[in-house]
C-alpha atoms as a PDB file:
ATOM      1  CA  UNK A   1      72.504 212.539 151.888  1.00  0.00           C
ATOM      2  CA  UNK A   2      74.170 213.966 148.087  1.00  0.00           C
ATOM      3  CA  UNK A   3      75.910 211.782 145.964  1.00  0.00           C
ATOM      4  CA  UNK A   4      78.270 213.518 143.246  1.00  0.00           C
ATOM      5  CA  UNK A   5      78.213 210.829 140.278  1.00  0.00           C
ATOM      6  CA  UNK A   6      80.043 213.071 138.186  1.00  0.00           C
ATOM      7  CA  UNK A   7      83.549 212.216 137.366  1.00  0.00           C
ATOM      8  CA  UNK A   8      86.447 214.549 137.243  1.00  0.00           C
ATOM      9  CA  UNK A   9      87.988 216.121 134.230  1.00  0.00           C
ATOM     10  CA  UNK A  10      91.333 215.885 133.962  1.00  0.00           C
ATOM     11  CA  UNK A  11      93.981 215.612 131.347  1.00  0.00           C
ATOM     12  CA  UNK A  12      94.419 211.649 132.256  1.00  0.00           C
ATOM     13  CA  UNK A  13      90.594 211.378 132.115  1.00  0.00           C
ATOM     14  CA  UNK A  14      89.556 208.561 129.493  1.00  0.00           C
ATOM     15  CA  UNK A  15      88.247 209.585 126.305  1.00  0.00           C
ATOM     16  CA  UNK A  16      86.492 207.890 123.411  1.00  0.00           C
ATOM     17  CA  UNK A  17      89.131 206.152 120.632  1.00  0.00           C
ATOM     18  CA  UNK A  18      89.549 208.967 118.046  1.00  0.00           C
ATOM     19  CA  UNK A  19      87.908 211.796 120.479  1.00  0.00           C
ATOM     20  CA  UNK A  20      91.097 214.496 121.630  1.00  0.00           C
ATOM     21  CA  UNK A  21      92.430 214.143 124.836  1.00  0.00           C
ATOM     22  CA  UNK A  22      91.674 216.649 127.538  1.00  0.00           C
ATOM     23  CA  UNK A  23      93.824 219.496 127.485  1.00  0.00           C
ATOM     24  CA  UNK A  24      93.617 222.170 130.283  1.00  0.00           C
ATOM     25  CA  UNK A  25      95.955 225.189 129.720  1.00  0.00           C
ATOM     26  CA  UNK A  26      96.845 228.146 131.775  1.00  0.00           C
ATOM     27  CA  UNK A  27      96.671 230.993 129.583  1.00  0.00           C
ATOM     28  CA  UNK A  28      97.423 233.577 132.326  1.00  0.00           C
ATOM     29  CA  UNK A  29      99.531 232.358 135.370  1.00  0.00           C
ATOM     30  CA  UNK A  30      99.708 234.850 138.405  1.00  0.00           C
ATOM     31  CA  UNK A  31     102.651 232.601 139.275  1.00  0.00           C
ATOM     32  CA  UNK A  32     104.393 233.832 136.141  1.00  0.00           C
ATOM     33  CA  UNK A  33     103.381 237.734 137.097  1.00  0.00           C
ATOM     34  CA  UNK A  34     100.188 237.646 135.189  1.00  0.00           C
ATOM     35  CA  UNK A  35      97.555 239.740 137.248  1.00  0.00           C
ATOM     36  CA  UNK A  36      94.789 236.823 137.060  1.00  0.00           C
ATOM     37  CA  UNK A  37      94.704 232.899 136.441  1.00  0.00           C
ATOM     38  CA  UNK A  38      92.987 232.067 133.084  1.00  0.00           C
ATOM     39  CA  UNK A  39      92.382 228.356 132.042  1.00  0.00           C
ATOM     40  CA  UNK A  40      91.377 227.053 128.497  1.00  0.00           C
ATOM     41  CA  UNK A  41      89.830 223.998 127.649  1.00  0.00           C
ATOM     42  CA  UNK A  42      90.229 222.077 124.833  1.00  0.00           C
ATOM     43  CA  UNK A  43      88.193 218.708 124.662  1.00  0.00           C
ATOM     44  CA  UNK A  44      85.139 217.065 122.973  1.00  0.00           C
ATOM     45  CA  UNK A  45      81.575 217.942 124.358  1.00  0.00           C
ATOM     46  CA  UNK A  46      81.513 214.511 125.213  1.00  0.00           C
ATOM     47  CA  UNK A  47      83.959 214.212 127.701  1.00  0.00           C
ATOM     48  CA  UNK A  48      83.852 212.800 131.265  1.00  0.00           C
ATOM     49  CA  UNK A  49      79.989 212.719 132.552  1.00  0.00           C
ATOM     50  CA  UNK A  50      78.032 214.452 129.558  1.00  0.00           C
ATOM     51  CA  UNK A  51      74.568 214.120 127.968  1.00  0.00           C
ATOM     52  CA  UNK A  52      73.883 213.209 124.497  1.00  0.00           C
ATOM     53  CA  UNK A  53      71.480 214.804 122.468  1.00  0.00           C
ATOM     54  CA  UNK A  54      69.300 213.691 119.408  1.00  0.00           C
ATOM     55  CA  UNK A  55      71.687 215.587 117.120  1.00  0.00           C
ATOM     56  CA  UNK A  56      74.757 213.164 117.970  1.00  0.00           C
ATOM     57  CA  UNK A  57      73.568 210.118 115.715  1.00  0.00           C
ATOM     58  CA  UNK A  58      70.189 211.417 114.120  1.00  0.00           C
ATOM     59  CA  UNK A  59      71.418 215.092 112.724  1.00  0.00           C
ATOM     60  CA  UNK A  60      67.811 216.327 112.935  1.00  0.00           C
ATOM     61  CA  UNK A  61      68.627 219.467 114.515  1.00  0.00           C
ATOM     62  CA  UNK A  62      67.569 218.466 118.193  1.00  0.00           C
ATOM     63  CA  UNK A  63      70.918 219.716 119.786  1.00  0.00           C
ATOM     64  CA  UNK A  64      71.663 219.804 123.517  1.00  0.00           C
ATOM     65  CA  UNK A  65      70.181 223.434 124.517  1.00  0.00           C
ATOM     66  CA  UNK A  66      67.120 222.033 123.463  1.00  0.00           C
ATOM     67  CA  UNK A  67      67.034 219.497 126.134  1.00  0.00           C
ATOM     68  CA  UNK A  68      64.135 219.533 128.869  1.00  0.00           C
ATOM     69  CA  UNK A  69      65.406 220.108 132.345  1.00  0.00           C
ATOM     70  CA  UNK A  70      61.930 218.766 133.438  1.00  0.00           C
ATOM     71  CA  UNK A  71      63.339 215.332 132.414  1.00  0.00           C
ATOM     72  CA  UNK A  72      67.027 215.941 133.153  1.00  0.00           C
ATOM     73  CA  UNK A  73      65.742 216.689 136.890  1.00  0.00           C
ATOM     74  CA  UNK A  74      63.453 214.475 139.179  1.00  0.00           C
ATOM     75  CA  UNK A  75      62.941 211.309 140.863  1.00  0.00           C
ATOM     76  CA  UNK A  76      65.173 208.210 139.262  1.00  0.00           C
ATOM     77  CA  UNK A  77      66.022 204.639 139.866  1.00  0.00           C
ATOM     78  CA  UNK A  78      69.480 203.599 140.636  1.00  0.00           C
ATOM     79  CA  UNK A  79      69.918 199.922 139.790  1.00  0.00           C
ATOM     80  CA  UNK A  80      72.923 198.051 140.873  1.00  0.00           C
ATOM     81  CA  UNK A  81      73.795 195.120 138.271  1.00  0.00           C
ATOM     82  CA  UNK A  82      75.674 192.022 139.535  1.00  0.00           C
ATOM     83  CA  UNK A  83      79.296 191.593 138.402  1.00  0.00           C
ATOM     84  CA  UNK A  84      78.079 189.012 136.053  1.00  0.00           C
ATOM     85  CA  UNK A  85      75.883 190.958 133.758  1.00  0.00           C
ATOM     86  CA  UNK A  86      77.934 191.544 130.717  1.00  0.00           C
ATOM     87  CA  UNK A  87      75.043 193.304 128.803  1.00  0.00           C
ATOM     88  CA  UNK A  88      71.890 195.209 129.971  1.00  0.00           C
ATOM     89  CA  UNK A  89      69.521 193.666 127.821  1.00  0.00           C
ATOM     90  CA  UNK A  90      65.601 193.008 127.900  1.00  0.00           C
ATOM     91  CA  UNK A  91      65.964 189.713 129.699  1.00  0.00           C
ATOM     92  CA  UNK A  92      68.104 191.567 132.863  1.00  0.00           C
ATOM     93  CA  UNK A  93      65.582 194.312 132.449  1.00  0.00           C
ATOM     94  CA  UNK A  94      62.838 192.413 133.253  1.00  0.00           C
ATOM     95  CA  UNK A  95      64.675 191.269 136.262  1.00  0.00           C
ATOM     96  CA  UNK A  96      65.001 194.863 137.459  1.00  0.00           C
ATOM     97  CA  UNK A  97      62.338 196.388 139.844  1.00  0.00           C
ATOM     98  CA  UNK A  98      62.449 199.490 138.309  1.00  0.00           C
ATOM     99  CA  UNK A  99      58.616 200.167 139.236  1.00  0.00           C
ATOM    100  CA  UNK A 100      55.804 201.489 137.190  1.00  0.00           C
ATOM    101  CA  UNK A 101      55.770 205.021 136.663  1.00  0.00           C
ATOM    102  CA  UNK A 102      59.281 205.640 136.940  1.00  0.00           C
ATOM    103  CA  UNK A 103      60.968 208.034 133.740  1.00  0.00           C
ATOM    104  CA  UNK A 104      64.678 208.209 135.050  1.00  0.00           C
ATOM    105  CA  UNK A 105      66.828 205.087 135.604  1.00  0.00           C
ATOM    106  CA  UNK A 106      70.665 204.672 135.895  1.00  0.00           C
ATOM    107  CA  UNK A 107      72.657 201.652 135.480  1.00  0.00           C
ATOM    108  CA  UNK A 108      75.488 200.722 138.313  1.00  0.00           C
ATOM    109  CA  UNK A 109      77.731 198.280 136.948  1.00  0.00           C
ATOM    110  CA  UNK A 110      81.260 196.922 137.331  1.00  0.00           C
ATOM    111  CA  UNK A 111      82.198 199.756 135.069  1.00  0.00           C
ATOM    112  CA  UNK A 112      81.797 202.189 138.032  1.00  0.00           C
ATOM    113  CA  UNK A 113      85.002 200.107 139.757  1.00  0.00           C
ATOM    114  CA  UNK A 114      86.916 201.476 136.964  1.00  0.00           C
ATOM    115  CA  UNK A 115      86.584 205.033 137.788  1.00  0.00           C
ATOM    116  CA  UNK A 116      86.818 204.272 141.989  1.00  0.00           C
ATOM    117  CA  UNK A 117      90.085 202.346 140.839  1.00  0.00           C
ATOM    118  CA  UNK A 118      91.464 205.357 138.664  1.00  0.00           C
ATOM    119  CA  UNK A 119      91.634 203.539 135.727  1.00  0.00           C
ATOM    120  CA  UNK A 120      92.982 205.797 133.281  1.00  0.00           C
ATOM    121  CA  UNK A 121      93.024 203.984 129.824  1.00  0.00           C
ATOM    122  CA  UNK A 122      89.891 203.354 127.730  1.00  0.00           C
ATOM    123  CA  UNK A 123      88.389 199.972 128.130  1.00  0.00           C
ATOM    124  CA  UNK A 124      86.362 197.939 125.355  1.00  0.00           C
ATOM    125  CA  UNK A 125      84.976 195.078 127.639  1.00  0.00           C
ATOM    126  CA  UNK A 126      82.451 197.878 129.243  1.00  0.00           C
ATOM    127  CA  UNK A 127      78.796 196.672 130.113  1.00  0.00           C
ATOM    128  CA  UNK A 128      76.364 198.816 127.791  1.00  0.00           C
ATOM    129  CA  UNK A 129      72.923 198.519 126.721  1.00  0.00           C
ATOM    130  CA  UNK A 130      72.016 196.278 123.692  1.00  0.00           C
ATOM    131  CA  UNK A 131      69.255 197.126 120.999  1.00  0.00           C
ATOM    132  CA  UNK A 132      66.567 194.918 122.686  1.00  0.00           C
ATOM    133  CA  UNK A 133      67.626 196.689 125.952  1.00  0.00           C
ATOM    134  CA  UNK A 134      66.652 200.133 124.665  1.00  0.00           C
ATOM    135  CA  UNK A 135      63.902 198.959 123.225  1.00  0.00           C
ATOM    136  CA  UNK A 136      62.700 197.729 126.219  1.00  0.00           C
ATOM    137  CA  UNK A 137      63.255 200.902 127.862  1.00  0.00           C
ATOM    138  CA  UNK A 138      61.643 202.961 125.590  1.00  0.00           C
ATOM    139  CA  UNK A 139      58.591 200.736 125.865  1.00  0.00           C
ATOM    140  CA  UNK A 140      58.347 200.791 129.103  1.00  0.00           C
ATOM    141  CA  UNK A 141      58.353 204.645 129.401  1.00  0.00           C
ATOM    142  CA  UNK A 142      61.946 205.641 130.372  1.00  0.00           C
ATOM    143  CA  UNK A 143      62.723 209.338 129.458  1.00  0.00           C
ATOM    144  CA  UNK A 144      66.389 209.254 130.721  1.00  0.00           C
ATOM    145  CA  UNK A 145      69.018 206.492 131.110  1.00  0.00           C
ATOM    146  CA  UNK A 146      72.091 206.962 132.692  1.00  0.00           C
ATOM    147  CA  UNK A 147      75.036 204.834 132.320  1.00  0.00           C
ATOM    148  CA  UNK A 148      78.571 204.228 134.181  1.00  0.00           C
ATOM    149  CA  UNK A 149      81.002 204.352 131.330  1.00  0.00           C
ATOM    150  CA  UNK A 150      81.686 206.466 128.201  1.00  0.00           C
ATOM    151  CA  UNK A 151      79.025 204.966 125.942  1.00  0.00           C
ATOM    152  CA  UNK A 152      75.568 203.991 126.504  1.00  0.00           C
ATOM    153  CA  UNK A 153      75.758 201.264 123.730  1.00  0.00           C
ATOM    154  CA  UNK A 154      78.511 198.129 122.952  1.00  0.00           C
ATOM    155  CA  UNK A 155      81.804 199.028 121.705  1.00  0.00           C
ATOM    156  CA  UNK A 156      81.369 197.044 118.510  1.00  0.00           C
ATOM    157  CA  UNK A 157      77.318 198.577 118.006  1.00  0.00           C
ATOM    158  CA  UNK A 158      77.269 202.158 118.768  1.00  0.00           C
ATOM    159  CA  UNK A 159      74.515 202.924 116.340  1.00  0.00           C
ATOM    160  CA  UNK A 160      71.259 200.697 116.925  1.00  0.00           C
ATOM    161  CA  UNK A 161      71.632 201.227 121.059  1.00  0.00           C
ATOM    162  CA  UNK A 162      71.771 205.078 120.922  1.00  0.00           C
ATOM    163  CA  UNK A 163      68.974 205.479 117.577  1.00  0.00           C
ATOM    164  CA  UNK A 164      66.703 203.530 119.410  1.00  0.00           C
ATOM    165  CA  UNK A 165      66.859 205.747 122.254  1.00  0.00           C
ATOM    166  CA  UNK A 166      67.552 208.829 120.839  1.00  0.00           C
ATOM    167  CA  UNK A 167      64.754 208.584 118.311  1.00  0.00           C
ATOM    168  CA  UNK A 168      62.455 208.380 121.257  1.00  0.00           C
ATOM    169  CA  UNK A 169      63.811 211.500 122.544  1.00  0.00           C
ATOM    170  CA  UNK A 170      64.797 209.631 125.353  1.00  0.00           C
ATOM    171  CA  UNK A 171      68.032 211.404 127.204  1.00  0.00           C
ATOM    172  CA  UNK A 172      71.123 209.668 127.201  1.00  0.00           C
ATOM    173  CA  UNK A 173      73.690 210.398 130.349  1.00  0.00           C
ATOM    174  CA  UNK A 174      77.082 209.012 129.982  1.00  0.00           C
ATOM    175  CA  UNK A 175      80.136 208.646 132.347  1.00  0.00           C
ATOM    176  CA  UNK A 176      78.509 208.548 135.935  1.00  0.00           C
ATOM    177  CA  UNK A 177      80.278 207.070 138.961  1.00  0.00           C
ATOM    178  CA  UNK A 178      78.122 205.154 140.901  1.00  0.00           C
ATOM    179  CA  UNK A 179      80.242 203.085 142.749  1.00  0.00           C
ATOM    180  CA  UNK A 180      79.217 204.634 146.020  1.00  0.00           C
ATOM    181  CA  UNK A 181      75.729 204.852 145.579  1.00  0.00           C
ATOM    182  CA  UNK A 182      73.319 201.809 146.627  1.00  0.00           C
ATOM    183  CA  UNK A 183      70.580 201.037 144.978  1.00  0.00           C
ATOM    184  CA  UNK A 184      67.131 202.794 145.242  1.00  0.00           C
ATOM    185  CA  UNK A 185      65.299 205.758 144.391  1.00  0.00           C
ATOM    186  CA  UNK A 186      66.855 209.438 144.530  1.00  0.00           C
ATOM    187  CA  UNK A 187      66.542 212.805 143.293  1.00  0.00           C
ATOM    188  CA  UNK A 188      68.415 213.509 140.078  1.00  0.00           C
ATOM    189  CA  UNK A 189      69.838 216.911 139.299  1.00  0.00           C
ATOM    190  CA  UNK A 190      71.697 217.114 136.086  1.00  0.00           C
ATOM    191  CA  UNK A 191      72.778 220.049 134.411  1.00  0.00           C
ATOM    192  CA  UNK A 192      74.594 220.143 130.923  1.00  0.00           C
ATOM    193  CA  UNK A 193      76.261 223.179 129.727  1.00  0.00           C
ATOM    194  CA  UNK A 194      73.993 225.121 127.178  1.00  0.00           C
ATOM    195  CA  UNK A 195      76.329 224.615 123.980  1.00  0.00           C
ATOM    196  CA  UNK A 196      73.952 225.801 121.565  1.00  0.00           C
ATOM    197  CA  UNK A 197      73.722 223.371 118.174  1.00  0.00           C
ATOM    198  CA  UNK A 198      75.983 220.733 120.084  1.00  0.00           C
ATOM    199  CA  UNK A 199      75.183 217.033 119.946  1.00  0.00           C
ATOM    200  CA  UNK A 200      76.430 216.850 123.560  1.00  0.00           C
ATOM    201  CA  UNK A 201      77.508 218.833 126.596  1.00  0.00           C
ATOM    202  CA  UNK A 202      79.582 217.740 129.945  1.00  0.00           C
ATOM    203  CA  UNK A 203      77.393 217.755 132.958  1.00  0.00           C
ATOM    204  CA  UNK A 204      77.261 217.885 136.706  1.00  0.00           C
ATOM    205  CA  UNK A 205      75.318 215.393 138.114  1.00  0.00           C
ATOM    206  CA  UNK A 206      74.254 214.783 141.607  1.00  0.00           C
ATOM    207  CA  UNK A 207      71.716 212.506 143.408  1.00  0.00           C
ATOM    208  CA  UNK A 208      70.114 213.346 146.471  1.00  0.00           C
ATOM    209  CA  UNK A 209      68.434 210.701 148.695  1.00  0.00           C
END
């Protein structure tokens, strides 16, 4: 079974406040007499399903093309959290059967229902990973963490969660749709665009299980 956990990118895709809206332009159109169709894109590197590189918050030169494909691809655990979980903190993580030796974990929360329902407006009340949750993930050897909304960090505190994870070399995968994925173990395949020098990149991500 293959699960496509990437969200579609269109002019209606929600973006982070202050980021540019998605622009999809037909620069050449066969319907208008051109010999081919040519589409031009204008959007942030953090649009849709995407990865964050350390360069995003640390400005340390570790940009997206340097991210390890060995970490971006391999076995992972999908944790589906109850609706009453408002924050993925250390206490919540202590109760999740991630399993020793797991290095990739994706968190399904009530956020995923926003994608499934076609929600177009940005929501500030999304479920995210707290600073102590990020510290827990680093301490337990997690190398890739995926979340089902635009940011791994709470809306009111973008820095601490990102910095804890990125300093430790953890790859952050954001804006996943896990609404159709049961909890359990899968093989993750995630390939971000190879944008040289960029702090992030859109990605196509699938689970096989």
